[in-house]
Amino acid sequence: MFVATLIAAGKLTGEVVREAIDRLDATEHEVGAPHWIDQGDAADIFFQGSLVSARAELAKMDHGALDVVVQPLGDRTKKLIIADMDSTMITVECIDELADYAGIKPQIAAITERAMRGELDFRAALIERVGLLGGMAEATIAECRAERVRLTRGARTLVQTMKAHGAWSVLVSGGFLPFAAPVAEAIGFDKVVANDLEIAGGKLTGKVTEPIVDSTTKLETLRAEAAARGLALGDTLESIQPRLAELAEIVPTLSTSADALHRAVGPLGDLAGRLPLNRRRPLAAGTPAGTQA
C-alpha cells in the first residue's frame, strides 16, 4: 500500500485531488477514497500499484504551488531525522554571510564557482574559503548570526513533531558550529555535528578543526545513528540540500538513504513537507535563530 500526499497551502482544491485520483486510476493503480489532512492545504490518496509509476504520473500535474509526496504507507512514520543546516533548516549560507561581513564575498563566490565547475571538492573549497576569513574577530560570528540567520519556516515544527512521536534528531552541517549549535538548540535537535573554526586570541585563524564534516560524515552519521537505535534506513528521514557544488558527493547518500529530501514548501511550513517530492519551490523567509517557529 502506498500514499500520495498533495500539498498546496491554502490552494488545494477538490478538483486537483480528483485529477490526481484520475491520473492514478488511468495508469492502472487501485485507488481508495481521498482523506483531507487539512482542508484546502493537504490531502492523502491511498493506492496500490507501482510507486515509480505513480510518482512519474503525478509529476505531470502542473499546478505551480503543488507539492506531491509519494511513499510506502508503512515507511511513513520515521524514528530518526538527519538534517542539513544551511539553506535547509536556516534560510542562508553561513559562510556567505560571514564573507559579506568581512568584505570578501566576491572572493568566496569565486571559490564556490570553481567548486561548481568541479575544480575543487567540498573539503578543498571549504579550507580555501575559511582561509580567507583568517583575522576576523570572534565576536563578528555572533553579530552575523544574530543579524543574518533565520530559521526556515516550519523547521521547528518538523523536528518537534517528530520528537513528539519518539524520533531522535541530529543536525549535521558542513557549516560552522558557532552557527549550528544555537540553531540546533532553537529548533530542538537532540545532537549537532558541524565544522569548528579554529580561534586564537579572539580571532579566526583561517583554519578548520579536523575532522572536517562533509557529505561523507552525513552518511556515516545516518548509518551510525540508525544502527545505534536498531532502525532500518526506511525508518529514517534524511535531509540534504542538493547544491550543485556538492552534488557529486551527495549522490552516494541519496542512493543509500530511504528518504533523501529536496527543497520544497509544505503546508506545515517549508520543511514539514520534505519527503520525496515532485515539485520544488524557493524557501521562504524565516524567523531569527534562537526564536520559535
Protein backbone atom coordinates (compact mmCIF):
# COMPACT_ATOMS: atom_id res chain seq x y z
CA MET A 1 0.00 0.00 0.00
CA PHE A 2 1.22 3.48 -0.92
CA VAL A 3 0.07 7.01 -0.15
CA ALA A 4 0.27 10.14 -2.29
CA THR A 5 0.06 13.36 -0.31
CA LEU A 6 -0.94 16.50 -2.18
CA ILE A 7 0.27 19.73 -0.57
CA ALA A 8 -0.65 23.29 -1.56
CA ALA A 9 -1.10 25.56 1.43
CA GLY A 10 -4.46 27.30 1.11
CA LYS A 11 -4.72 26.38 -2.58
CA LEU A 12 -5.55 22.68 -2.71
CA THR A 13 -8.97 22.16 -4.28
CA GLY A 14 -11.19 19.14 -4.72
CA GLU A 15 -10.61 19.41 -8.47
CA VAL A 16 -6.85 18.98 -8.04
CA VAL A 17 -7.38 15.98 -5.75
CA ARG A 18 -9.76 14.47 -8.31
CA GLU A 19 -7.21 14.97 -11.08
CA ALA A 20 -4.63 13.05 -9.05
CA ILE A 21 -7.08 10.21 -8.44
CA ASP A 22 -7.98 10.10 -12.12
CA ARG A 23 -4.33 10.01 -13.14
CA LEU A 24 -3.61 7.12 -10.78
CA ASP A 25 -6.72 5.28 -11.92
CA ALA A 26 -5.85 5.77 -15.59
CA THR A 27 -2.41 4.23 -15.03
CA GLU A 28 -3.89 1.05 -13.54
CA HIS A 29 -3.49 1.83 -9.85
CA GLU A 30 -6.14 0.69 -7.38
CA VAL A 31 -7.18 3.95 -5.71
CA GLY A 32 -9.06 4.47 -2.46
CA ALA A 33 -11.08 7.47 -1.31
CA PRO A 34 -9.09 10.65 -0.56
CA HIS A 35 -8.59 11.86 3.00
CA TRP A 36 -8.17 15.54 3.82
CA ILE A 37 -5.32 16.11 6.26
CA ASP A 38 -6.15 19.81 6.36
CA GLN A 39 -8.96 21.17 4.19
CA GLY A 40 -7.50 23.31 1.42
CA ASP A 41 -3.92 22.54 2.46
CA ALA A 42 -3.15 18.83 2.19
CA ALA A 43 -4.84 15.53 1.32
CA ASP A 44 -3.86 11.85 1.24
CA ILE A 45 -4.71 9.42 -1.54
CA PHE A 46 -4.12 5.76 -0.67
CA PHE A 47 -3.46 3.37 -3.52
CA GLN A 48 -1.96 0.06 -4.59
CA GLY A 49 0.22 -0.40 -7.65
CA SER A 50 3.61 0.93 -8.69
CA LEU A 51 5.44 3.54 -6.61
CA VAL A 52 7.63 4.52 -9.58
CA SER A 53 4.71 4.77 -11.97
CA ALA A 54 2.64 6.83 -9.53
CA ARG A 55 5.46 9.30 -8.93
CA ALA A 56 6.03 9.70 -12.67
CA GLU A 57 2.33 10.24 -13.40
CA LEU A 58 1.66 12.68 -10.56
CA ALA A 59 4.79 14.65 -11.50
CA LYS A 60 2.90 15.65 -14.66
CA MET A 61 0.41 17.67 -12.65
CA ASP A 62 1.03 21.33 -13.39
CA HIS A 63 -0.46 23.49 -10.66
CA GLY A 64 2.53 25.65 -9.69
CA ALA A 65 2.04 25.72 -5.93
CA LEU A 66 1.51 21.97 -5.65
CA ASP A 67 3.90 19.54 -3.97
CA VAL A 68 3.32 15.80 -4.32
CA VAL A 69 4.74 13.28 -1.85
CA VAL A 70 4.53 9.60 -2.83
CA GLN A 71 5.79 6.95 -0.42
CA PRO A 72 5.10 3.50 1.04
CA LEU A 73 2.47 3.75 3.74
CA GLY A 74 4.45 1.51 6.09
CA ASP A 75 7.50 3.81 5.97
CA ARG A 76 5.59 6.94 6.81
CA THR A 77 6.41 7.30 10.49
CA LYS A 78 10.14 8.00 10.89
CA LYS A 79 12.15 7.47 14.06
CA LEU A 80 15.31 9.35 13.10
CA ILE A 81 15.90 12.61 11.27
CA ILE A 82 19.32 13.68 9.98
CA ALA A 83 19.16 17.26 8.70
CA ASP A 84 21.47 19.71 6.98
CA MET A 85 21.53 23.33 8.17
CA ASP A 86 22.49 25.90 5.52
CA SER A 87 19.62 26.72 3.12
CA THR A 88 17.67 23.92 4.78
CA MET A 89 16.99 24.47 8.49
CA ILE A 90 18.06 28.11 8.06
CA THR A 91 17.47 30.37 5.07
CA VAL A 92 21.09 31.40 4.42
CA GLU A 93 24.58 30.02 3.78
CA CYS A 94 26.65 30.95 6.84
CA ILE A 95 29.98 31.26 5.07
CA ASP A 96 28.47 33.64 2.53
CA GLU A 97 27.14 35.84 5.31
CA LEU A 98 30.50 35.84 7.12
CA ALA A 99 32.21 36.69 3.84
CA ASP A 100 29.85 39.64 3.42
CA TYR A 101 30.76 40.86 6.90
CA ALA A 102 34.46 40.55 6.04
CA GLY A 103 34.03 42.32 2.71
CA ILE A 104 35.27 39.32 0.73
CA LYS A 105 32.03 37.94 -0.70
CA PRO A 106 33.29 38.12 -4.33
CA GLN A 107 36.40 36.07 -3.44
CA ILE A 108 34.30 33.47 -1.63
CA ALA A 109 31.88 33.35 -4.55
CA ALA A 110 34.79 32.74 -6.94
CA ILE A 111 35.87 29.69 -4.96
CA THR A 112 32.28 28.43 -4.94
CA GLU A 113 32.17 28.81 -8.73
CA ARG A 114 35.35 26.73 -9.07
CA ALA A 115 33.77 24.05 -6.89
CA MET A 116 30.65 24.07 -9.06
CA ARG A 117 32.84 23.54 -12.11
CA GLY A 118 34.36 20.50 -10.44
CA GLU A 119 37.77 22.08 -9.93
CA LEU A 120 37.56 21.70 -6.14
CA ASP A 121 35.87 19.14 -3.91
CA PHE A 122 33.94 20.22 -0.81
CA ARG A 123 36.92 19.80 1.53
CA ALA A 124 39.32 21.82 -0.62
CA ALA A 125 36.75 24.54 -1.22
CA LEU A 126 35.93 24.78 2.50
CA ILE A 127 39.58 25.04 3.51
CA GLU A 128 40.25 27.73 0.92
CA ARG A 129 37.17 29.75 1.83
CA VAL A 130 37.80 29.56 5.57
CA GLY A 131 41.39 30.64 4.93
CA LEU A 132 40.07 33.94 3.64
CA LEU A 133 38.28 34.51 6.97
CA GLY A 134 41.54 34.49 8.92
CA GLY A 135 41.86 37.52 11.21
CA MET A 136 38.12 38.03 11.63
CA ALA A 137 37.13 38.85 15.23
CA GLU A 138 35.34 36.02 17.03
CA ALA A 139 32.64 38.48 18.08
CA THR A 140 31.75 39.01 14.41
CA ILE A 141 30.37 35.47 14.26
CA ALA A 142 27.82 36.22 16.98
CA GLU A 143 26.90 39.51 15.30
CA CYS A 144 26.45 37.82 11.95
CA ARG A 145 24.36 35.04 13.47
CA ALA A 146 22.06 37.50 15.25
CA GLU A 147 21.57 39.75 12.23
CA ARG A 148 21.51 37.32 9.32
CA VAL A 149 20.49 33.82 10.40
CA ARG A 150 16.79 33.00 10.21
CA LEU A 151 15.13 29.67 10.86
CA THR A 152 13.30 28.27 7.86
CA ARG A 153 9.56 28.44 8.40
CA GLY A 154 8.39 25.07 9.70
CA ALA A 155 11.83 23.82 10.77
CA ARG A 156 10.99 23.71 14.45
CA THR A 157 7.53 22.30 13.73
CA LEU A 158 9.02 19.43 11.75
CA VAL A 159 11.61 18.46 14.36
CA GLN A 160 9.37 18.95 17.38
CA THR A 161 6.54 16.96 15.78
CA MET A 162 8.88 14.07 15.02
CA LYS A 163 10.29 14.18 18.55
CA ALA A 164 6.78 14.14 19.98
CA HIS A 165 6.35 10.83 18.16
CA GLY A 166 9.55 9.39 19.61
CA ALA A 167 12.09 10.31 16.91
CA TRP A 168 15.75 11.17 17.52
CA SER A 169 17.03 14.26 15.69
CA VAL A 170 20.54 15.18 14.56
CA LEU A 171 21.70 18.35 12.81
CA VAL A 172 24.73 17.54 10.63
CA SER A 173 26.26 20.51 8.85
CA GLY A 174 29.25 21.24 6.69
CA GLY A 175 28.80 24.74 8.09
CA PHE A 176 30.17 26.02 11.37
CA LEU A 177 29.49 25.01 14.97
CA PRO A 178 29.13 28.62 16.27
CA PHE A 179 26.10 28.82 13.98
CA ALA A 180 24.93 25.22 14.14
CA ALA A 181 24.88 24.87 17.94
CA PRO A 182 22.48 27.80 18.56
CA VAL A 183 20.36 26.79 15.57
CA ALA A 184 20.13 23.21 16.86
CA GLU A 185 19.11 24.48 20.28
CA ALA A 186 16.50 26.85 18.85
CA ILE A 187 14.92 24.13 16.72
CA GLY A 188 15.24 21.40 19.33
CA PHE A 189 17.68 18.92 17.82
CA ASP A 190 18.99 16.23 20.15
CA LYS A 191 22.51 16.36 18.71
CA VAL A 192 24.61 18.57 16.44
CA VAL A 193 27.64 17.75 14.28
CA ALA A 194 29.38 20.58 12.41
CA ASN A 195 32.74 22.04 11.47
CA ASP A 196 34.50 24.11 14.10
CA LEU A 197 36.50 27.22 13.30
CA GLU A 198 39.91 27.46 14.95
CA ILE A 199 40.14 30.59 17.11
CA ALA A 200 43.18 32.11 18.81
CA GLY A 201 43.47 35.43 20.62
CA GLY A 202 39.83 36.22 19.92
CA LYS A 203 40.26 35.92 16.15
CA LEU A 204 39.71 33.27 13.48
CA THR A 205 42.98 31.67 12.41
CA GLY A 206 41.62 30.77 8.98
CA LYS A 207 41.68 27.06 9.73
CA VAL A 208 39.00 24.42 10.29
CA THR A 209 39.41 21.96 13.13
CA GLU A 210 39.78 18.36 11.93
CA PRO A 211 37.99 16.13 11.15
CA ILE A 212 36.09 18.11 8.53
CA VAL A 213 32.36 17.45 8.34
CA ASP A 214 31.20 16.79 4.76
CA SER A 215 28.57 14.68 2.99
CA THR A 216 30.53 11.54 3.92
CA THR A 217 30.09 12.49 7.57
CA LYS A 218 26.36 12.91 6.98
CA LEU A 219 26.11 9.44 5.52
CA GLU A 220 28.21 7.95 8.32
CA THR A 221 26.08 9.72 10.92
CA LEU A 222 22.89 8.43 9.30
CA ARG A 223 24.15 4.87 9.40
CA ALA A 224 25.61 5.11 12.90
CA GLU A 225 22.56 6.75 14.48
CA ALA A 226 20.22 4.28 12.78
CA ALA A 227 22.33 1.32 13.89
CA ALA A 228 22.54 2.63 17.47
CA ARG A 229 18.76 2.65 17.61
CA GLY A 230 18.21 -0.60 15.74
CA LEU A 231 16.49 1.22 12.87
CA ALA A 232 16.36 0.29 9.21
CA LEU A 233 17.13 3.16 6.85
CA GLY A 234 13.48 3.10 5.81
CA ASP A 235 12.66 4.32 9.33
CA THR A 236 14.82 7.43 8.88
CA LEU A 237 14.31 10.86 7.42
CA GLU A 238 17.49 12.30 5.93
CA SER A 239 17.51 15.92 4.79
CA ILE A 240 20.20 17.08 2.38
CA GLN A 241 20.05 20.22 0.31
CA PRO A 242 21.48 19.23 -3.11
CA ARG A 243 23.59 22.27 -4.08
CA LEU A 244 25.30 21.77 -7.42
CA ALA A 245 28.75 22.17 -5.90
CA GLU A 246 28.13 19.16 -3.66
CA LEU A 247 26.00 17.03 -5.99
CA ALA A 248 28.75 14.53 -6.77
CA GLU A 249 29.30 13.95 -3.05
CA ILE A 250 25.60 13.72 -2.29
CA VAL A 251 24.71 11.08 -4.88
CA PRO A 252 26.05 8.13 -2.82
CA THR A 253 23.98 9.34 0.12
CA LEU A 254 20.86 9.61 -1.97
CA SER A 255 21.21 6.02 -3.09
CA THR A 256 21.59 4.80 0.47
CA SER A 257 19.03 6.84 2.36
CA ALA A 258 15.42 5.77 2.05
CA ASP A 259 14.24 9.37 2.14
CA ALA A 260 16.69 11.87 0.66
CA LEU A 261 14.98 15.22 0.59
CA HIS A 262 14.84 18.18 -1.77
CA ARG A 263 13.97 21.84 -1.33
CA ALA A 264 10.21 22.19 -1.01
CA VAL A 265 7.43 24.02 0.78
CA GLY A 266 4.71 22.13 2.64
CA PRO A 267 1.50 23.10 4.43
CA LEU A 268 3.06 22.95 7.89
CA GLY A 269 5.94 25.15 6.76
CA ASP A 270 8.80 24.89 4.32
CA LEU A 271 10.16 21.73 5.92
CA ALA A 272 7.06 19.93 7.06
CA GLY A 273 6.53 18.50 3.59
CA ARG A 274 10.14 17.40 2.97
CA LEU A 275 9.85 13.89 1.53
CA PRO A 276 10.48 12.54 -2.00
CA LEU A 277 8.82 15.36 -3.93
CA ASN A 278 7.74 16.04 -7.48
CA ARG A 279 7.68 19.84 -7.12
CA ARG A 280 10.22 22.31 -5.78
CA ARG A 281 9.78 25.95 -4.79
CA PRO A 282 12.07 28.57 -3.19
CA LEU A 283 12.42 28.64 0.57
CA ALA A 284 10.55 31.45 2.27
CA ALA A 285 11.95 33.91 4.78
CA GLY A 286 12.01 32.52 8.29
CA THR A 287 12.45 33.60 11.86
CA PRO A 288 15.64 34.57 13.70
CA ALA A 289 17.68 31.70 15.09
CA GLY A 290 17.01 31.44 18.77
CA THR A 291 13.29 32.10 18.37
CA GLN A 292 10.50 29.62 17.88
CA ALA A 293 8.94 28.96 14.50
